[in-house]
Amino acid sequence: MKRVTIQDIADSLGISRNTVSKAINNSDGLADATREKILQKAAEMGYKQFSYVAALSGNANSTLTASMGTPLAEGEIALFTASMASIFQPSHFAALFLDRFRQELAQFGCALNIHLIDRENLAHCTLPNTFVKERCRAIVCIEMFDWNYGEMICGLDLPVLFVDGPHKRSGNSLPADQLYMENTMGITRLVNDMLQRGKRRLGFIGDWEHCQSFYERYTAFRCAMLMAGVPVDEAFCIKATYYEDIITPLDALPELPDLFICGNDFVAGDVMHALRRLGKSVPEDVMLSGFDDAPESRIMTPALTTVHIHTQIMALSAAHLLMTRIKEPDMDYRVLHTETELIYRESTQC
């Protein structure tokens, strides 16, 4: 049976792929009627193996639920996410991460059950109606970047692990264990390699306040430039994540930098698409890099320079953090970064 894609849903409704993505990812900027029409169609078509379980008649507690194939059991590990599509998207790091994470938890006799945190939950800091606290041993948060909601979760008196999380620009940190991919070294090396090649006009595209990982990647870029004594042209820093928000500031630039470092591979893909619409080529007119090493990064034309995330090690680390927190709930909170690796491809060969 053919896997249903976001493009399939978009084609069936006669709308753009990005509009479907926004609906499934609970992004702002869509009318509720449009969002629910898209979600209905996604459920009908069997997208990403989730089902729309609540009535679509104005029910504030409407949720999407999914199962990792393990039965609900006493002592479940609850996975909270605000983006069900992302964690089931094969090219998203969370998909491979979750498969190994579930296997590790099973060795401890724990079932992993997924709960969508919908827009109403986020707006009012309420728990999903699929979640039963009394049956939960711990909560894992993936694609959960709302600070206020994170604080509410941390106040439930349960062990909590964030895999990535809200940005810490203010200098504050949530009272929970936190797991990140290493976001600094690959970008620092890339910047320094470019400077050694005489490429001094470097920029960044991505919303650096979207999450902590984006923030760390952006600050790594700026710190590497600062330490090298090379000023950053602020016009080359575009705080946007989606194609519609990227193309206008790109078009407004009187000239392009030597290289755009993008928040992740999906942002880089939208940037590449926008550049082509503007009649520009990668890497001839501007070089491009991403982060994540998603499968798409290898089949883009040109193939994308990126930073590889070792998802299996992240999954093992997550299981260790969670199980030790359950065993010793009063230990100090831990922040762990797992190794990443810069991979050069054709998009920076210029």
Protein backbone atom coordinates (compact mmCIF):
# COMPACT_ATOMS: atom_id res chain seq x y z
CA MET A 1 0.00 0.00 0.00
CA LYS A 2 1.36 3.40 -1.04
CA ARG A 3 2.35 5.70 1.82
CA VAL A 4 0.19 8.82 1.90
CA THR A 5 2.24 12.03 1.76
CA ILE A 6 1.54 15.67 2.52
CA GLN A 7 1.62 16.30 -1.24
CA ASP A 8 -1.11 13.67 -1.76
CA ILE A 9 -3.36 15.49 0.72
CA ALA A 10 -2.59 18.85 -0.88
CA ASP A 11 -3.40 17.51 -4.36
CA SER A 12 -6.68 16.00 -3.20
CA LEU A 13 -7.80 19.35 -1.76
CA GLY A 14 -6.30 21.57 -4.45
CA ILE A 15 -4.17 23.53 -1.98
CA SER A 16 -0.45 24.02 -1.37
CA ARG A 17 1.78 21.49 0.35
CA ASN A 18 2.83 24.15 2.87
CA THR A 19 -0.80 24.82 3.88
CA VAL A 20 -1.27 21.12 4.63
CA SER A 21 2.00 21.06 6.59
CA LYS A 22 0.90 24.05 8.69
CA ALA A 23 -2.41 22.36 9.54
CA ILE A 24 -0.83 19.07 10.57
CA ASN A 25 1.92 20.81 12.56
CA ASN A 26 -0.51 23.13 14.40
CA SER A 27 1.20 26.22 12.98
CA ASP A 28 -0.42 29.63 13.23
CA GLY A 29 -1.91 31.49 10.27
CA LEU A 30 -4.72 29.13 9.20
CA ALA A 31 -8.46 29.50 9.67
CA ASP A 32 -9.90 26.82 11.95
CA ALA A 33 -12.26 25.65 9.20
CA THR A 34 -9.34 25.16 6.81
CA ARG A 35 -7.28 23.36 9.43
CA GLU A 36 -10.07 20.93 10.31
CA LYS A 37 -10.89 20.26 6.63
CA ILE A 38 -7.25 19.30 6.08
CA LEU A 39 -7.15 17.11 9.18
CA GLN A 40 -10.33 15.36 8.12
CA LYS A 41 -8.88 14.62 4.71
CA ALA A 42 -5.59 13.43 6.26
CA ALA A 43 -7.49 11.00 8.49
CA GLU A 44 -9.63 9.75 5.60
CA MET A 45 -6.54 9.07 3.52
CA GLY A 46 -4.70 7.34 6.39
CA TYR A 47 -1.86 9.83 6.62
CA LYS A 48 1.03 8.78 8.92
CA GLN A 49 -1.07 6.14 10.67
CA PHE A 50 -2.98 8.53 12.90
CA SER A 51 -6.71 8.88 13.34
CA TYR A 52 -8.84 11.85 14.14
CA VAL A 53 -10.75 10.68 17.17
CA ALA A 54 -12.70 13.65 18.49
CA ALA A 55 -15.70 15.16 16.78
CA LEU A 56 -14.90 18.08 14.49
CA SER A 57 -17.86 20.12 15.65
CA GLY A 58 -16.17 22.74 17.78
CA ASN A 59 -14.98 20.37 20.48
CA ALA A 60 -12.17 22.18 22.31
CA ASN A 61 -10.64 18.84 23.30
CA SER A 62 -10.30 17.51 19.75
CA THR A 63 -7.07 15.54 19.50
CA LEU A 64 -5.13 13.29 17.21
CA THR A 65 -3.84 10.12 18.82
CA ALA A 66 -1.28 7.61 17.63
CA SER A 67 0.17 4.36 18.92
CA MET A 68 3.69 3.03 18.68
CA GLY A 69 2.30 -0.49 18.68
CA THR A 70 2.61 -1.11 22.43
CA PRO A 71 -0.47 -1.58 24.61
CA LEU A 72 -1.50 1.01 27.15
CA ALA A 73 -0.31 -0.32 30.47
CA GLU A 74 0.19 0.68 34.06
CA GLY A 75 3.36 2.68 34.25
CA GLU A 76 3.22 4.03 30.71
CA ILE A 77 5.80 6.47 29.41
CA ALA A 78 3.81 9.33 27.90
CA LEU A 79 5.22 11.09 24.86
CA PHE A 80 3.86 14.62 24.44
CA THR A 81 4.20 16.29 21.04
CA ALA A 82 2.70 19.34 19.36
CA SER A 83 3.59 17.96 15.92
CA MET A 84 2.37 14.44 15.25
CA ALA A 85 3.32 14.74 11.58
CA SER A 86 6.95 15.49 12.37
CA ILE A 87 7.56 12.51 14.62
CA PHE A 88 6.07 10.11 12.06
CA GLN A 89 7.76 11.74 9.07
CA PRO A 90 10.47 9.28 7.95
CA SER A 91 12.90 12.12 7.17
CA HIS A 92 12.53 13.73 10.61
CA PHE A 93 15.16 12.67 13.14
CA ALA A 94 12.41 11.83 15.66
CA ALA A 95 11.08 8.93 13.56
CA LEU A 96 14.27 6.86 13.80
CA PHE A 97 14.84 8.08 17.35
CA LEU A 98 11.43 6.87 18.52
CA ASP A 99 11.78 3.41 17.03
CA ARG A 100 14.97 2.72 18.99
CA PHE A 101 13.69 4.56 22.09
CA ARG A 102 10.59 2.35 22.20
CA GLN A 103 12.78 -0.75 21.98
CA GLU A 104 14.92 0.43 24.89
CA LEU A 105 11.88 1.21 27.04
CA ALA A 106 10.40 -2.21 26.31
CA GLN A 107 13.42 -3.79 28.02
CA PHE A 108 12.30 -2.05 31.20
CA GLY A 109 8.71 -3.26 30.75
CA CYS A 110 7.48 0.22 29.80
CA ALA A 111 4.99 1.06 27.07
CA LEU A 112 5.37 4.27 25.06
CA ASN A 113 2.12 6.06 24.25
CA ILE A 114 1.84 9.23 22.21
CA HIS A 115 -0.42 12.18 23.02
CA LEU A 116 -0.94 15.15 20.72
CA ILE A 117 -0.88 18.53 22.44
CA ASP A 118 -3.29 20.48 20.27
CA ARG A 119 -3.75 24.23 19.90
CA GLU A 120 -6.39 24.37 22.62
CA ASN A 121 -4.14 22.50 25.03
CA LEU A 122 -1.29 24.91 24.31
CA ALA A 123 -3.45 28.01 24.58
CA HIS A 124 -4.96 27.03 27.93
CA CYS A 125 -2.14 24.85 29.34
CA THR A 126 -4.41 21.84 29.61
CA LEU A 127 -3.52 18.16 29.35
CA PRO A 128 -4.75 16.08 26.40
CA ASN A 129 -7.86 14.06 27.15
CA THR A 130 -5.97 10.87 26.20
CA PHE A 131 -3.57 11.30 29.13
CA VAL A 132 -4.17 9.69 32.55
CA LYS A 133 -1.63 10.93 35.07
CA GLU A 134 -2.22 8.07 37.51
CA ARG A 135 -1.03 5.55 34.92
CA CYS A 136 2.05 7.53 33.90
CA ARG A 137 5.59 7.00 35.19
CA ALA A 138 7.25 9.76 33.16
CA ILE A 139 6.74 12.23 30.32
CA VAL A 140 8.96 12.68 27.26
CA CYS A 141 8.50 15.86 25.20
CA ILE A 142 9.42 16.02 21.50
CA GLU A 143 8.60 19.03 19.30
CA MET A 144 7.35 20.83 22.41
CA PHE A 145 8.64 24.40 22.28
CA ASP A 146 6.05 26.42 24.23
CA TRP A 147 7.67 27.70 27.43
CA ASN A 148 4.47 28.13 29.45
CA TYR A 149 3.27 24.67 28.56
CA GLY A 150 6.66 23.25 29.49
CA GLU A 151 6.42 24.87 32.91
CA MET A 152 2.99 23.31 33.40
CA ILE A 153 4.32 19.84 32.52
CA CYS A 154 7.23 20.27 34.93
CA GLY A 155 4.74 21.02 37.70
CA LEU A 156 2.96 17.66 37.41
CA ASP A 157 5.33 15.98 39.90
CA LEU A 158 6.41 13.42 37.30
CA PRO A 159 9.84 12.80 35.76
CA VAL A 160 10.11 14.89 32.57
CA LEU A 161 12.59 14.67 29.69
CA PHE A 162 12.72 17.23 26.88
CA VAL A 163 14.28 16.09 23.60
CA ASP A 164 15.12 19.59 22.38
CA GLY A 165 12.85 22.22 23.89
CA PRO A 166 12.03 25.93 24.19
CA HIS A 167 14.88 28.35 23.53
CA LYS A 168 16.82 29.71 26.52
CA ARG A 169 17.57 33.17 25.21
CA SER A 170 16.46 34.65 28.53
CA GLY A 171 19.00 32.51 30.40
CA ASN A 172 16.29 30.47 32.13
CA SER A 173 15.95 26.69 31.91
CA LEU A 174 13.02 24.40 32.61
CA PRO A 175 13.33 22.16 35.72
CA ALA A 176 13.67 18.91 33.78
CA ASP A 177 16.27 16.70 32.13
CA GLN A 178 17.09 17.87 28.60
CA LEU A 179 18.61 16.04 25.64
CA TYR A 180 20.00 17.77 22.54
CA MET A 181 22.06 16.93 19.51
CA GLU A 182 25.42 18.77 19.57
CA ASN A 183 24.57 21.97 17.70
CA THR A 184 27.81 23.96 17.89
CA MET A 185 30.90 22.17 16.61
CA GLY A 186 29.74 21.39 13.06
CA ILE A 187 28.63 24.95 12.38
CA THR A 188 31.76 26.38 14.02
CA ARG A 189 33.93 24.21 11.79
CA LEU A 190 31.90 25.12 8.71
CA VAL A 191 32.27 28.86 9.40
CA ASN A 192 36.01 28.57 9.96
CA ASP A 193 36.47 26.44 6.85
CA MET A 194 34.62 29.05 4.81
CA LEU A 195 36.71 31.88 6.25
CA GLN A 196 39.89 29.99 5.37
CA ARG A 197 38.59 29.77 1.80
CA GLY A 198 38.18 33.54 1.75
CA LYS A 199 34.37 33.38 2.04
CA ARG A 200 33.59 36.11 4.58
CA ARG A 201 29.99 37.01 3.73
CA LEU A 202 28.02 34.41 5.64
CA GLY A 203 24.38 34.44 6.71
CA PHE A 204 21.80 32.40 8.60
CA ILE A 205 18.21 31.52 7.73
CA GLY A 206 15.84 30.08 10.33
CA ASP A 207 13.79 31.26 13.30
CA TRP A 208 16.42 31.15 16.04
CA GLU A 209 13.68 31.43 18.66
CA HIS A 210 11.79 28.41 17.33
CA CYS A 211 13.58 26.03 19.71
CA GLN A 212 16.80 25.67 21.67
CA SER A 213 18.57 23.74 18.92
CA PHE A 214 17.91 26.49 16.35
CA TYR A 215 19.09 29.04 18.91
CA GLU A 216 22.31 27.11 19.56
CA ARG A 217 23.00 26.80 15.82
CA TYR A 218 22.45 30.51 15.30
CA THR A 219 24.64 31.52 18.24
CA ALA A 220 27.35 29.08 17.04
CA PHE A 221 27.37 30.89 13.69
CA ARG A 222 27.57 34.32 15.31
CA CYS A 223 30.18 33.30 17.89
CA ALA A 224 32.42 31.75 15.22
CA MET A 225 32.24 34.97 13.19
CA LEU A 226 32.88 37.09 16.29
CA MET A 227 35.87 35.04 17.40
CA ALA A 228 37.35 35.33 13.91
CA GLY A 229 36.89 39.11 13.97
CA VAL A 230 34.56 39.05 10.94
CA PRO A 231 31.45 41.27 11.15
CA VAL A 232 28.04 39.76 10.37
CA ASP A 233 25.91 41.59 7.81
CA GLU A 234 22.51 41.65 9.54
CA ALA A 235 20.73 41.68 6.19
CA PHE A 236 22.04 38.14 5.68
CA CYS A 237 20.30 36.91 8.86
CA ILE A 238 16.71 36.02 7.97
CA LYS A 239 14.50 34.98 10.88
CA ALA A 240 12.09 32.75 8.97
CA THR A 241 11.39 29.05 8.64
CA TYR A 242 8.87 28.54 5.81
CA TYR A 243 9.10 29.25 2.09
CA GLU A 244 6.42 31.98 2.15
CA ASP A 245 8.34 33.91 4.79
CA ILE A 246 11.75 33.34 3.18
CA ILE A 247 11.27 34.37 -0.43
CA THR A 248 10.39 38.04 0.18
CA PRO A 249 13.46 38.98 2.27
CA LEU A 250 15.62 36.94 -0.12
CA ASP A 251 14.25 38.88 -3.07
CA ALA A 252 14.90 42.16 -1.25
CA LEU A 253 18.63 41.51 -0.86
CA PRO A 254 20.71 43.66 -3.23
CA GLU A 255 23.30 40.86 -3.24
CA LEU A 256 23.58 37.36 -1.84
CA PRO A 257 26.16 36.21 0.71
CA ASP A 258 28.75 33.56 -0.04
CA LEU A 259 26.90 31.04 2.14
CA PHE A 260 23.57 30.68 3.92
CA ILE A 261 23.64 28.40 6.98
CA CYS A 262 20.08 27.12 7.51
CA GLY A 263 18.40 26.08 10.75
CA ASN A 264 17.81 22.57 9.40
CA ASP A 265 17.55 20.64 6.14
CA PHE A 266 13.86 21.45 5.70
CA VAL A 267 14.58 25.18 5.90
CA ALA A 268 17.44 24.66 3.43
CA GLY A 269 15.06 22.91 1.05
CA ASP A 270 12.66 25.86 1.14
CA VAL A 271 15.57 28.28 0.65
CA MET A 272 16.76 26.31 -2.38
CA HIS A 273 13.25 26.38 -3.82
CA ALA A 274 12.97 30.15 -3.21
CA LEU A 275 16.34 30.80 -4.82
CA ARG A 276 15.30 28.90 -7.91
CA ARG A 277 12.10 30.93 -8.14
CA LEU A 278 14.30 34.03 -8.06
CA GLY A 279 16.52 32.69 -10.82
CA LYS A 280 19.48 31.92 -8.55
CA SER A 281 21.56 28.75 -8.43
CA VAL A 282 23.22 26.78 -5.62
CA PRO A 283 26.20 26.79 -5.24
CA GLU A 284 27.04 29.14 -8.15
CA ASP A 285 25.21 32.19 -6.79
CA VAL A 286 25.18 31.23 -3.12
CA MET A 287 26.30 28.17 -1.17
CA LEU A 288 23.88 26.46 1.20
CA SER A 289 24.09 24.20 4.26
CA GLY A 290 21.52 22.56 6.52
CA PHE A 291 21.36 20.45 9.68
CA ASP A 292 19.96 16.96 10.47
CA ASP A 293 21.18 14.97 7.45
CA ALA A 294 17.61 14.12 6.47
CA PRO A 295 17.27 11.67 3.55
CA GLU A 296 16.16 14.59 1.34
CA SER A 297 19.52 16.28 1.87
CA ARG A 298 21.23 13.51 -0.10
CA ILE A 299 18.87 13.59 -3.10
CA MET A 300 18.54 17.36 -3.48
CA THR A 301 20.17 18.86 -6.55
CA PRO A 302 22.79 19.77 -5.58
CA ALA A 303 23.18 17.45 -2.59
CA LEU A 304 23.14 19.43 0.64
CA THR A 305 26.04 20.01 3.02
CA THR A 306 24.62 19.27 6.46
CA VAL A 307 25.31 18.03 9.99
CA HIS A 308 24.51 14.39 10.74
CA ILE A 309 22.58 13.51 13.92
CA HIS A 310 23.28 10.11 15.48
CA THR A 311 19.69 9.22 16.35
CA GLN A 312 20.50 5.82 17.83
CA ILE A 313 22.82 7.32 20.42
CA MET A 314 20.20 9.96 21.19
CA ALA A 315 17.63 7.21 21.80
CA LEU A 316 19.96 5.29 24.12
CA SER A 317 20.79 8.50 25.99
CA ALA A 318 17.12 9.38 26.33
CA ALA A 319 16.29 5.98 27.81
CA HIS A 320 19.19 6.28 30.27
CA LEU A 321 18.19 9.79 31.34
CA LEU A 322 14.58 8.73 31.82
CA MET A 323 15.19 5.51 33.72
CA THR A 324 17.75 7.04 36.08
CA ARG A 325 15.38 9.94 36.76
CA ILE A 326 12.58 7.49 37.63
CA LYS A 327 14.96 5.64 39.95
CA GLU A 328 16.40 8.78 41.57
CA PRO A 329 13.83 11.58 41.21
CA ASP A 330 15.71 14.01 43.48
CA MET A 331 19.02 14.10 41.58
CA ASP A 332 20.15 17.36 39.93
CA TYR A 333 18.75 18.05 36.47
CA ARG A 334 20.98 17.09 33.54
CA VAL A 335 21.52 18.65 30.12
CA LEU A 336 23.14 16.27 27.63
CA HIS A 337 24.36 16.84 24.06
CA THR A 338 25.12 13.88 21.79
CA GLU A 339 27.76 13.95 19.06
CA THR A 340 27.03 15.23 15.53
CA GLU A 341 29.15 15.25 12.38
CA LEU A 342 29.61 17.85 9.62
CA ILE A 343 29.14 16.34 6.14
CA TYR A 344 30.27 18.26 3.07
CA ARG A 345 28.34 17.83 -0.17
CA GLU A 346 27.95 19.66 -3.48
CA SER A 347 25.96 22.64 -2.15
CA THR A 348 29.14 24.20 -0.73
CA GLN A 349 31.52 23.21 -3.53
CA CYS A 350 32.17 26.59 -5.06
